[in-house]
């Protein structure tokens, strides 16, 4: 338990410093798991703490003094930063969301929060992709895989192949149950993405079947070859997910950048564009396709299918992958 004092004490018992208290409360809330989520909230909380201590901020170091007015003032500060171009709308919204979450962790209730970060900022993020995804060219992907293998980064190469072939998220590719997926591919010509999915999706209640083609077969075969001995996925029995992020993914990003790929998530968007073209016989809107003007019903049907394949519940999210609005 991270509480260092009485719950009604300074920073609700989580220590004397606001910068220390927030992360400790978050670790308690998430029970030591969800490292990436906790890290993201902690980083954004530190930005809030920095503002609290700055000349523009309220100069406080005790979470008990944070009320809705303090949060509203922080929202106004972020809004100014967005309007002058030094901060993205999405970053500002994420910072407010993380402050809400951290305050809930510290207080143990929902009494002090901004109900809607977007309304507090008076801005909506567009969520519509503005540039074509990198990694659509399979030759480019092949070159990246070769470059990773030359640097003995076979597991990162497997993640690249899985993300491009199936639209898996990074976490899903790392944690994929490779023997199960291979059996499903053999038996059903499709695979059900379940491991590492976002939001605690349960296997039976949230099926996510992806059709198998030669690219999926190749990606699965390669991933099984480079899977560590004694493992069903890309994490060795002696490793943790965090170690893989630090020792495999982090150095691999430099190679991705050197080959004009911003990150693994671009491959997920490339998959979405490829599937859109397969489903509609039109290029994705971000690639200049006009299906939404020619046949709006077909466009929406394709978006719904691809949204399901990517593990999203709403088709409007797909605009962030393929562009245009459905």
Protein backbone atom coordinates (compact mmCIF):
# COMPACT_ATOMS: atom_id res chain seq x y z
CA UNK A 1 0.00 0.00 0.00
CA UNK A 2 1.46 3.36 -0.99
CA UNK A 3 -0.34 5.41 1.68
CA UNK A 4 2.32 6.97 3.91
CA UNK A 5 0.01 8.71 6.39
CA UNK A 6 -3.63 9.07 7.38
CA UNK A 7 -6.09 9.28 4.47
CA UNK A 8 -7.18 12.72 5.71
CA UNK A 9 -3.58 13.96 5.93
CA UNK A 10 -1.56 16.05 3.48
CA UNK A 11 -2.14 14.93 -0.14
CA UNK A 12 -4.74 12.51 1.27
CA UNK A 13 -2.01 10.54 3.00
CA UNK A 14 0.20 10.02 -0.05
CA UNK A 15 3.17 12.11 1.10
CA UNK A 16 4.28 15.72 1.37
CA UNK A 17 4.94 16.41 -2.30
CA UNK A 18 2.18 16.71 -4.92
CA UNK A 19 4.57 15.33 -7.54
CA UNK A 20 5.09 12.17 -5.46
CA UNK A 21 1.52 11.75 -4.24
CA UNK A 22 -0.15 11.53 -7.65
CA UNK A 23 1.92 8.62 -9.01
CA UNK A 24 1.61 6.70 -5.72
CA UNK A 25 -2.17 7.04 -5.75
CA UNK A 26 -2.31 5.91 -9.38
CA UNK A 27 -0.19 2.83 -8.62
CA UNK A 28 -2.63 2.00 -5.83
CA UNK A 29 -5.62 2.50 -8.11
CA UNK A 30 -4.21 0.23 -10.84
CA UNK A 31 -2.84 -2.32 -8.38
CA UNK A 32 0.69 -2.15 -9.78
CA UNK A 33 -0.46 -3.18 -13.27
CA UNK A 34 -1.22 -1.27 -16.50
CA UNK A 35 2.30 0.18 -16.56
CA UNK A 36 1.84 2.13 -19.80
CA UNK A 37 -1.44 3.70 -18.64
CA UNK A 38 -0.02 4.66 -15.24
CA UNK A 39 3.12 6.09 -16.89
CA UNK A 40 1.03 8.26 -19.25
CA UNK A 41 -1.16 9.58 -16.39
CA UNK A 42 1.95 10.25 -14.25
CA UNK A 43 3.69 12.22 -17.02
CA UNK A 44 0.60 14.39 -17.54
CA UNK A 45 0.15 14.82 -13.78
CA UNK A 46 3.72 16.15 -13.55
CA UNK A 47 2.85 18.77 -16.18
CA UNK A 48 -0.07 19.82 -13.94
CA UNK A 49 2.20 19.93 -10.86
CA UNK A 50 4.69 22.09 -12.77
CA UNK A 51 1.87 24.52 -13.61
CA UNK A 52 0.70 24.51 -9.96
CA UNK A 53 4.18 25.65 -8.90
CA UNK A 54 4.60 28.21 -11.69
CA UNK A 55 3.79 31.92 -11.58
CA UNK A 56 0.55 31.32 -13.53
CA UNK A 57 -0.50 28.52 -11.16
CA UNK A 58 -2.04 28.62 -7.66
CA UNK A 59 1.24 27.80 -5.88
CA UNK A 60 -0.11 24.80 -4.01
CA UNK A 61 1.56 21.52 -3.03
CA UNK A 62 -1.34 19.74 -1.34
CA UNK A 63 -4.05 17.95 -3.32
CA UNK A 64 -6.59 18.82 -0.58
CA UNK A 65 -6.42 22.41 -1.84
CA UNK A 66 -7.30 21.50 -5.42
CA UNK A 67 -10.91 22.33 -6.22
CA UNK A 68 -12.93 22.81 -9.41
CA UNK A 69 -11.74 26.40 -9.75
CA UNK A 70 -8.10 25.24 -9.80
CA UNK A 71 -8.97 22.71 -12.51
CA UNK A 72 -10.90 25.34 -14.50
CA UNK A 73 -7.89 27.69 -14.29
CA UNK A 74 -5.64 24.89 -15.55
CA UNK A 75 -8.04 24.28 -18.44
CA UNK A 76 -7.88 27.99 -19.32
CA UNK A 77 -4.06 27.84 -19.24
CA UNK A 78 -4.08 24.83 -21.59
CA UNK A 79 -6.60 26.53 -23.88
CA UNK A 80 -4.25 29.49 -24.23
CA UNK A 81 -1.39 27.13 -25.08
CA UNK A 82 -3.48 25.44 -27.79
CA UNK A 83 -4.56 28.76 -29.28
CA UNK A 84 -1.00 30.03 -29.51
CA UNK A 85 0.07 26.79 -31.21
CA UNK A 86 2.40 25.41 -28.52
CA UNK A 87 0.13 22.48 -27.60
CA UNK A 88 -2.09 20.10 -29.58
CA UNK A 89 -5.79 19.88 -28.70
CA UNK A 90 -5.43 16.14 -28.10
CA UNK A 91 -2.53 16.73 -25.69
CA UNK A 92 -4.52 19.32 -23.74
CA UNK A 93 -7.54 17.01 -23.47
CA UNK A 94 -5.36 14.10 -22.38
CA UNK A 95 -3.73 16.24 -19.68
CA UNK A 96 -7.11 17.22 -18.27
CA UNK A 97 -8.34 13.62 -18.38
CA UNK A 98 -5.25 12.46 -16.50
CA UNK A 99 -5.68 15.15 -13.85
CA UNK A 100 -9.28 13.95 -13.39
CA UNK A 101 -8.12 10.35 -13.04
CA UNK A 102 -5.30 11.22 -10.63
CA UNK A 103 -7.56 13.37 -8.44
CA UNK A 104 -10.01 10.45 -8.24
CA UNK A 105 -7.13 8.18 -7.21
CA UNK A 106 -5.94 10.62 -4.54
CA UNK A 107 -9.35 11.49 -3.12
CA UNK A 108 -11.02 8.11 -3.48
CA UNK A 109 -14.07 9.80 -5.01
CA UNK A 110 -15.21 11.73 -8.10
CA UNK A 111 -16.12 14.96 -6.31
CA UNK A 112 -13.41 17.20 -7.82
CA UNK A 113 -13.12 16.88 -11.60
CA UNK A 114 -13.92 18.58 -14.89
CA UNK A 115 -16.90 16.61 -16.29
CA UNK A 116 -15.85 17.12 -19.92
CA UNK A 117 -12.26 18.04 -20.88
CA UNK A 118 -13.34 19.01 -24.42
CA UNK A 119 -16.06 21.35 -23.10
CA UNK A 120 -13.69 22.79 -20.52
CA UNK A 121 -11.28 23.61 -23.35
CA UNK A 122 -14.08 24.77 -25.65
CA UNK A 123 -12.47 22.70 -28.41
CA UNK A 124 -13.00 19.35 -30.14
CA UNK A 125 -10.17 17.34 -31.66
CA UNK A 126 -10.99 16.47 -35.27
CA UNK A 127 -9.80 12.87 -35.11
CA UNK A 128 -9.59 12.82 -38.91
CA UNK A 129 -6.31 11.66 -40.44
CA UNK A 130 -4.63 14.38 -42.47
CA UNK A 131 -1.80 12.42 -44.09
CA UNK A 132 -1.60 8.98 -45.71
CA UNK A 133 -0.34 6.25 -43.35
CA UNK A 134 3.25 5.19 -43.73
CA UNK A 135 3.88 1.48 -44.23
CA UNK A 136 1.22 0.92 -46.89
CA UNK A 137 3.95 -0.13 -49.33
CA UNK A 138 4.75 -3.76 -48.53
CA UNK A 139 8.21 -3.35 -50.07
CA UNK A 140 8.97 -0.67 -47.46
CA UNK A 141 7.75 -3.03 -44.73
CA UNK A 142 10.00 -5.79 -46.10
CA UNK A 143 13.01 -3.45 -45.96
CA UNK A 144 12.19 -2.52 -42.35
CA UNK A 145 11.94 -6.21 -41.41
CA UNK A 146 15.31 -6.94 -43.04
CA UNK A 147 16.90 -3.95 -41.27
CA UNK A 148 15.55 -5.10 -37.89
CA UNK A 149 16.79 -8.65 -38.46
CA UNK A 150 20.26 -7.36 -39.37
CA UNK A 151 20.32 -5.72 -35.93
CA UNK A 152 19.17 -8.98 -34.30
CA UNK A 153 15.74 -7.47 -33.64
CA UNK A 154 13.73 -10.43 -34.89
CA UNK A 155 10.94 -9.96 -32.34
CA UNK A 156 10.45 -6.34 -33.37
CA UNK A 157 10.38 -7.53 -37.00
CA UNK A 158 7.64 -10.01 -36.06
CA UNK A 159 5.61 -7.21 -34.47
CA UNK A 160 5.96 -5.14 -37.65
CA UNK A 161 4.67 -8.04 -39.75
CA UNK A 162 1.78 -8.81 -37.39
CA UNK A 163 0.70 -5.17 -37.17
CA UNK A 164 0.73 -4.72 -40.96
CA UNK A 165 -0.95 -8.04 -41.72
CA UNK A 166 -3.65 -8.04 -39.02
CA UNK A 167 -3.99 -4.46 -37.71
CA UNK A 168 -2.93 -5.52 -34.21
CA UNK A 169 -1.94 -2.88 -31.69
CA UNK A 170 1.63 -3.05 -30.38
CA UNK A 171 0.51 -4.65 -27.10
CA UNK A 172 -1.68 -7.17 -28.95
CA UNK A 173 1.21 -8.24 -31.20
CA UNK A 174 3.55 -8.70 -28.23
CA UNK A 175 1.03 -10.74 -26.21
CA UNK A 176 -0.60 -12.68 -29.07
CA UNK A 177 -1.09 -16.39 -28.27
CA UNK A 178 0.76 -17.63 -31.36
CA UNK A 179 -0.02 -21.37 -31.13
CA UNK A 180 -3.75 -20.63 -30.71
CA UNK A 181 -3.79 -18.20 -33.62
CA UNK A 182 -1.96 -20.71 -35.80
CA UNK A 183 -4.50 -23.42 -34.96
CA UNK A 184 -7.38 -21.06 -35.77
CA UNK A 185 -5.78 -20.04 -39.05
CA UNK A 186 -5.44 -23.70 -40.01
CA UNK A 187 -8.94 -24.70 -38.91
CA UNK A 188 -11.03 -21.64 -39.81
CA UNK A 189 -9.00 -19.48 -42.24
CA UNK A 190 -9.43 -16.67 -39.72
CA UNK A 191 -7.99 -15.70 -36.34
CA UNK A 192 -9.56 -14.20 -33.22
CA UNK A 193 -7.48 -11.36 -31.70
CA UNK A 194 -7.99 -11.52 -27.93
CA UNK A 195 -4.69 -11.15 -26.07
CA UNK A 196 -3.61 -7.70 -24.90
CA UNK A 197 -6.73 -6.02 -26.25
CA UNK A 198 -7.70 -2.58 -25.01
CA UNK A 199 -10.20 -1.95 -22.25
CA UNK A 200 -10.23 -5.42 -20.76
CA UNK A 201 -12.19 -7.00 -23.60
CA UNK A 202 -13.18 -10.57 -22.66
CA UNK A 203 -12.58 -13.37 -25.15
CA UNK A 204 -16.06 -14.83 -25.38
CA UNK A 205 -17.90 -11.51 -25.17
CA UNK A 206 -15.82 -9.57 -27.69
CA UNK A 207 -14.75 -11.77 -30.62
CA UNK A 208 -12.54 -10.09 -33.19
CA UNK A 209 -12.03 -12.35 -36.18
CA UNK A 210 -9.59 -11.43 -38.95
CA UNK A 211 -9.54 -13.24 -42.31
CA UNK A 212 -6.30 -15.09 -42.98
CA UNK A 213 -4.34 -14.50 -46.21
CA UNK A 214 -0.75 -15.25 -47.17
CA UNK A 215 0.48 -12.15 -45.31
CA UNK A 216 -1.20 -13.23 -42.06
CA UNK A 217 0.16 -16.77 -42.52
CA UNK A 218 3.66 -15.40 -43.10
CA UNK A 219 3.50 -13.06 -40.10
CA UNK A 220 2.30 -15.85 -37.79
CA UNK A 221 4.90 -18.28 -39.08
CA UNK A 222 7.74 -15.80 -38.58
CA UNK A 223 6.49 -14.80 -35.11
CA UNK A 224 6.39 -18.44 -34.02
CA UNK A 225 9.96 -18.93 -35.29
CA UNK A 226 11.31 -16.03 -33.21
CA UNK A 227 9.10 -16.58 -30.15
CA UNK A 228 11.39 -17.26 -27.15
CA UNK A 229 11.75 -20.88 -26.02
CA UNK A 230 9.03 -21.84 -23.57
CA UNK A 231 6.76 -18.93 -24.54
CA UNK A 232 3.44 -18.78 -26.38
CA UNK A 233 4.01 -15.14 -27.38
CA UNK A 234 6.91 -12.73 -27.93
CA UNK A 235 7.83 -12.39 -24.25
CA UNK A 236 10.37 -14.81 -22.79
CA UNK A 237 9.36 -16.61 -19.57
CA UNK A 238 12.08 -14.67 -17.72
CA UNK A 239 10.89 -11.28 -19.05
CA UNK A 240 8.07 -8.86 -18.29
CA UNK A 241 6.05 -6.82 -20.77
CA UNK A 242 7.89 -3.72 -19.51
CA UNK A 243 11.30 -5.27 -20.25
CA UNK A 244 10.20 -5.99 -23.84
CA UNK A 245 9.12 -2.37 -24.24
CA UNK A 246 12.45 -1.12 -22.90
CA UNK A 247 14.85 -3.59 -24.50
CA UNK A 248 13.11 -4.54 -27.75
CA UNK A 249 10.64 -1.83 -28.75
CA UNK A 250 12.57 1.27 -27.73
CA UNK A 251 15.75 0.53 -29.76
CA UNK A 252 13.62 -0.74 -32.68
CA UNK A 253 11.94 2.66 -33.02
CA UNK A 254 15.20 4.21 -34.25
CA UNK A 255 15.29 1.71 -37.11
CA UNK A 256 11.63 2.40 -37.93
CA UNK A 257 12.31 6.14 -38.04
CA UNK A 258 15.37 5.63 -40.26
CA UNK A 259 13.07 3.87 -42.76
CA UNK A 260 10.41 6.59 -42.72
CA UNK A 261 7.96 4.90 -40.34
CA UNK A 262 6.81 7.02 -37.40
CA UNK A 263 5.81 4.05 -35.30
CA UNK A 264 4.06 0.70 -35.10
CA UNK A 265 0.63 2.37 -35.03
CA UNK A 266 1.10 3.58 -38.62
CA UNK A 267 1.03 -0.07 -39.70
CA UNK A 268 -2.40 -0.46 -38.09
CA UNK A 269 -3.64 2.47 -40.19
CA UNK A 270 -1.99 0.97 -43.28
CA UNK A 271 -3.92 -2.26 -42.60
CA UNK A 272 -7.17 -0.26 -42.33
CA UNK A 273 -6.56 1.45 -45.69
CA UNK A 274 -5.78 -1.90 -47.34
CA UNK A 275 -8.96 -3.48 -45.95
CA UNK A 276 -11.04 -0.49 -47.04
CA UNK A 277 -9.82 -0.91 -50.61
CA UNK A 278 -10.53 -4.66 -50.46
CA UNK A 279 -14.06 -4.09 -49.16
CA UNK A 280 -15.09 -1.22 -51.45
CA UNK A 281 -12.84 -1.53 -54.52
CA UNK A 282 -12.06 2.15 -53.88
CA UNK A 283 -8.92 3.62 -52.36
CA UNK A 284 -9.21 4.89 -48.79
CA UNK A 285 -10.29 8.55 -48.54
CA UNK A 286 -6.82 9.56 -47.30
CA UNK A 287 -5.39 8.01 -50.48
CA UNK A 288 -7.77 10.00 -52.68
CA UNK A 289 -10.68 7.53 -52.84
CA UNK A 290 -14.21 8.86 -53.39
CA UNK A 291 -16.35 5.94 -52.21
CA UNK A 292 -18.13 8.03 -49.57
CA UNK A 293 -19.37 10.30 -52.38
CA UNK A 294 -20.11 7.48 -54.85
CA UNK A 295 -21.76 4.97 -52.48
CA UNK A 296 -22.23 6.21 -48.94
CA UNK A 297 -23.85 2.96 -47.82
CA UNK A 298 -20.89 0.87 -49.03
CA UNK A 299 -18.50 3.30 -47.32
CA UNK A 300 -20.28 2.99 -43.97
CA UNK A 301 -20.52 -0.79 -44.28
CA UNK A 302 -16.76 -1.02 -44.90
CA UNK A 303 -16.02 1.32 -41.99
CA UNK A 304 -18.17 -0.78 -39.68
CA UNK A 305 -16.38 -4.00 -40.67
CA UNK A 306 -12.87 -2.53 -40.34
CA UNK A 307 -13.76 -0.85 -37.05
CA UNK A 308 -14.73 -4.30 -35.72
CA UNK A 309 -11.47 -5.80 -37.02
CA UNK A 310 -9.44 -3.10 -35.25
CA UNK A 311 -11.28 -3.63 -31.96
CA UNK A 312 -13.24 -0.38 -31.90
CA UNK A 313 -16.91 -0.06 -31.00
CA UNK A 314 -17.59 3.11 -33.01
CA UNK A 315 -17.14 3.58 -36.75
CA UNK A 316 -16.38 7.31 -36.43
CA UNK A 317 -13.02 6.34 -34.88
CA UNK A 318 -12.01 4.95 -38.28
CA UNK A 319 -11.53 8.45 -39.69
CA UNK A 320 -8.31 8.59 -37.66
CA UNK A 321 -7.04 5.62 -39.72
CA UNK A 322 -8.41 6.08 -43.25
CA UNK A 323 -9.41 9.76 -43.37
CA UNK A 324 -12.73 11.29 -44.39
CA UNK A 325 -15.95 11.08 -42.45
CA UNK A 326 -18.34 8.17 -42.76
